[in-house]
């Protein structure tokens, strides 16, 4: 059984090309500010995660981030 730690919804600020196999989805705000706080992300949390190419996501898409502690 896993333990849910955090869940929020946020816009993708930009998609970075890491290499031929993966991209990095990010929302890091600007100049050390918070990401935009809204109903899905009231604390304005940042994210930065590598994912395999072929995901079909783009700047401006909204995604759900879920953090669970695995056993």
C-alpha atoms as a PDB file:
ATOM      1  CA  UNK A   1       0.000   0.000   0.000  1.00  0.00           C
ATOM      2  CA  UNK A   2       1.361   3.419  -0.904  1.00  0.00           C
ATOM      3  CA  UNK A   3       0.941   6.622   1.055  1.00  0.00           C
ATOM      4  CA  UNK A   4      -0.176   9.715  -0.880  1.00  0.00           C
ATOM      5  CA  UNK A   5       1.970  12.684   0.105  1.00  0.00           C
ATOM      6  CA  UNK A   6       0.902  15.357  -2.376  1.00  0.00           C
ATOM      7  CA  UNK A   7      -1.306  15.955  -5.409  1.00  0.00           C
ATOM      8  CA  UNK A   8      -1.666  19.127  -7.479  1.00  0.00           C
ATOM      9  CA  UNK A   9      -2.560  20.288 -10.994  1.00  0.00           C
ATOM     10  CA  UNK A  10      -0.395  22.783 -12.866  1.00  0.00           C
ATOM     11  CA  UNK A  11       0.397  24.156 -16.313  1.00  0.00           C
ATOM     12  CA  UNK A  12       3.496  23.022 -18.169  1.00  0.00           C
ATOM     13  CA  UNK A  13       5.609  26.163 -18.438  1.00  0.00           C
ATOM     14  CA  UNK A  14       7.984  24.617 -20.974  1.00  0.00           C
ATOM     15  CA  UNK A  15       9.204  21.320 -22.395  1.00  0.00           C
ATOM     16  CA  UNK A  16      12.992  20.978 -22.639  1.00  0.00           C
ATOM     17  CA  UNK A  17      14.688  18.600 -25.076  1.00  0.00           C
ATOM     18  CA  UNK A  18      17.142  16.591 -22.945  1.00  0.00           C
ATOM     19  CA  UNK A  19      18.380  14.109 -25.547  1.00  0.00           C
ATOM     20  CA  UNK A  20      17.081  11.772 -28.278  1.00  0.00           C
ATOM     21  CA  UNK A  21      15.182   9.659 -25.735  1.00  0.00           C
ATOM     22  CA  UNK A  22      13.685  12.076 -23.195  1.00  0.00           C
ATOM     23  CA  UNK A  23      12.246  15.521 -22.534  1.00  0.00           C
ATOM     24  CA  UNK A  24      11.864  17.437 -19.290  1.00  0.00           C
ATOM     25  CA  UNK A  25       8.489  18.909 -18.289  1.00  0.00           C
ATOM     26  CA  UNK A  26       8.860  22.009 -16.127  1.00  0.00           C
ATOM     27  CA  UNK A  27       7.069  24.759 -14.308  1.00  0.00           C
ATOM     28  CA  UNK A  28       9.588  26.699 -12.281  1.00  0.00           C
ATOM     29  CA  UNK A  29       8.231  30.230 -12.250  1.00  0.00           C
ATOM     30  CA  UNK A  30      10.474  33.108 -13.205  1.00  0.00           C
ATOM     31  CA  UNK A  31      13.388  34.691 -11.379  1.00  0.00           C
ATOM     32  CA  UNK A  32      13.006  32.391  -8.355  1.00  0.00           C
ATOM     33  CA  UNK A  33       9.319  33.308  -7.990  1.00  0.00           C
ATOM     34  CA  UNK A  34       6.653  30.690  -7.419  1.00  0.00           C
ATOM     35  CA  UNK A  35       4.809  28.995 -10.228  1.00  0.00           C
ATOM     36  CA  UNK A  36       1.395  30.526 -10.791  1.00  0.00           C
ATOM     37  CA  UNK A  37      -0.868  29.687  -7.856  1.00  0.00           C
ATOM     38  CA  UNK A  38      -4.400  28.694  -8.839  1.00  0.00           C
ATOM     39  CA  UNK A  39      -7.198  26.359  -7.767  1.00  0.00           C
ATOM     40  CA  UNK A  40      -5.267  23.229  -8.804  1.00  0.00           C
ATOM     41  CA  UNK A  41      -1.953  24.434  -7.383  1.00  0.00           C
ATOM     42  CA  UNK A  42      -2.799  26.822  -4.512  1.00  0.00           C
ATOM     43  CA  UNK A  43       0.760  26.883  -3.151  1.00  0.00           C
ATOM     44  CA  UNK A  44       2.358  27.612  -6.532  1.00  0.00           C
ATOM     45  CA  UNK A  45       4.565  24.500  -6.383  1.00  0.00           C
ATOM     46  CA  UNK A  46       7.246  23.912  -9.029  1.00  0.00           C
ATOM     47  CA  UNK A  47       7.884  20.685 -10.906  1.00  0.00           C
ATOM     48  CA  UNK A  48      10.674  19.390 -13.118  1.00  0.00           C
ATOM     49  CA  UNK A  49      10.545  15.777 -14.336  1.00  0.00           C
ATOM     50  CA  UNK A  50      12.115  13.856 -17.210  1.00  0.00           C
ATOM     51  CA  UNK A  51       9.805  11.688 -19.320  1.00  0.00           C
ATOM     52  CA  UNK A  52      10.317   9.535 -22.436  1.00  0.00           C
ATOM     53  CA  UNK A  53       9.746  11.235 -25.808  1.00  0.00           C
ATOM     54  CA  UNK A  54       6.424  10.586 -27.531  1.00  0.00           C
ATOM     55  CA  UNK A  55       4.341  11.971 -24.638  1.00  0.00           C
ATOM     56  CA  UNK A  56       2.450  14.497 -26.809  1.00  0.00           C
ATOM     57  CA  UNK A  57       2.492  17.193 -24.102  1.00  0.00           C
ATOM     58  CA  UNK A  58       3.204  20.853 -24.854  1.00  0.00           C
ATOM     59  CA  UNK A  59       3.608  24.219 -23.151  1.00  0.00           C
ATOM     60  CA  UNK A  60       0.332  25.306 -21.571  1.00  0.00           C
ATOM     61  CA  UNK A  61      -1.095  21.793 -21.079  1.00  0.00           C
ATOM     62  CA  UNK A  62      -2.331  21.116 -17.539  1.00  0.00           C
ATOM     63  CA  UNK A  63      -1.013  18.016 -15.805  1.00  0.00           C
ATOM     64  CA  UNK A  64      -1.618  16.343 -12.451  1.00  0.00           C
ATOM     65  CA  UNK A  65       1.415  15.620 -10.278  1.00  0.00           C
ATOM     66  CA  UNK A  66       1.009  12.895  -7.645  1.00  0.00           C
ATOM     67  CA  UNK A  67       3.706  12.013  -5.110  1.00  0.00           C
ATOM     68  CA  UNK A  68       3.297   8.748  -3.229  1.00  0.00           C
ATOM     69  CA  UNK A  69       5.673   7.031  -0.857  1.00  0.00           C
ATOM     70  CA  UNK A  70       6.311   3.560  -2.258  1.00  0.00           C
ATOM     71  CA  UNK A  71       6.830   0.489  -0.120  1.00  0.00           C
END
